[in-house]
Amino acid sequence: MRFSIGGIFAECAGCARHDFFPALAISAGRRDVYICAHCGNEAVYSELVSRIGKEAVRRAADKQPGAPIG
């Protein structure tokens, strides 16, 4: 599964890929944890959504004329 908001996909912190599966198959008590389908890195749903938000802010700043670089 992929998480996307406004066309921006959440990326795995380990490999920067976008495909995840729920850890629910591993443990019923881990409803908010997802596993990267490529490298097996664990990610909490709120972290994935937060990364999307940070990327959206970065992209918006890049579009503004005169925006500072970095």
Protein backbone atom coordinates (compact mmCIF):
# COMPACT_ATOMS: atom_id res chain seq x y z
CA MET A 1 0.00 0.00 0.00
CA ARG A 2 1.11 3.56 -0.60
CA PHE A 3 0.33 6.67 1.42
CA SER A 4 -0.21 9.83 -0.60
CA ILE A 5 -1.51 13.31 0.08
CA GLY A 6 -1.74 15.78 -2.78
CA GLY A 7 0.35 13.56 -5.03
CA ILE A 8 3.23 13.31 -2.54
CA PHE A 9 4.01 9.76 -1.43
CA ALA A 10 5.39 8.78 1.96
CA GLU A 11 8.90 7.36 1.68
CA CYS A 12 10.63 4.73 3.75
CA ALA A 13 13.38 6.27 5.89
CA GLY A 14 15.59 3.30 5.07
CA CYS A 15 15.36 2.98 1.30
CA ALA A 16 13.15 5.89 0.11
CA ARG A 17 10.64 3.55 -1.54
CA HIS A 18 6.88 3.96 -1.27
CA ASP A 19 5.36 0.51 -0.69
CA PHE A 20 4.28 -0.63 2.78
CA PHE A 21 2.21 -3.35 4.35
CA PRO A 22 0.56 -3.27 7.78
CA ALA A 23 2.40 -4.90 10.67
CA LEU A 24 -1.03 -6.14 11.77
CA ALA A 25 -0.17 -9.45 10.09
CA ILE A 26 2.77 -9.70 12.50
CA SER A 27 1.04 -8.50 15.66
CA ALA A 28 -2.59 -7.46 16.21
CA GLY A 29 -1.45 -4.89 18.78
CA ARG A 30 0.51 -2.88 16.23
CA ARG A 31 -2.27 -1.23 14.25
CA ASP A 32 -0.35 1.96 13.43
CA VAL A 33 2.91 0.30 12.35
CA TYR A 34 3.73 -0.40 8.71
CA ILE A 35 6.61 -2.36 7.21
CA CYS A 36 8.47 -1.30 4.08
CA ALA A 37 7.82 -3.91 1.41
CA HIS A 38 11.37 -3.51 0.08
CA CYS A 39 13.75 -3.28 3.05
CA GLY A 40 11.57 -4.32 6.01
CA ASN A 41 12.04 -1.04 7.89
CA GLU A 42 9.23 -0.27 10.35
CA ALA A 43 7.39 3.05 10.22
CA VAL A 44 4.59 4.46 12.36
CA TYR A 45 1.68 5.89 10.37
CA SER A 46 2.01 9.35 11.97
CA GLU A 47 5.68 9.48 10.93
CA LEU A 48 4.78 8.67 7.33
CA VAL A 49 2.16 11.42 7.24
CA SER A 50 4.59 13.85 8.88
CA ARG A 51 7.18 13.14 6.16
CA ILE A 52 4.58 13.92 3.51
CA GLY A 53 3.84 17.24 5.25
CA LYS A 54 7.52 18.18 5.43
CA GLU A 55 7.96 17.40 1.75
CA ALA A 56 4.90 19.52 0.89
CA VAL A 57 6.34 22.47 2.84
CA ARG A 58 9.71 22.02 1.13
CA ARG A 59 8.10 21.98 -2.31
CA ALA A 60 5.99 25.04 -1.54
CA ALA A 61 9.09 26.95 -0.41
CA ASP A 62 10.91 25.96 -3.60
CA LYS A 63 8.10 27.46 -5.69
CA GLN A 64 8.18 30.85 -3.97
CA PRO A 65 10.30 33.46 -5.75
CA GLY A 66 13.16 34.66 -3.61
CA ALA A 67 12.85 31.73 -1.22
CA PRO A 68 16.05 30.91 0.66
CA ILE A 69 17.90 27.83 -0.54
CA GLY A 70 18.53 25.01 1.92
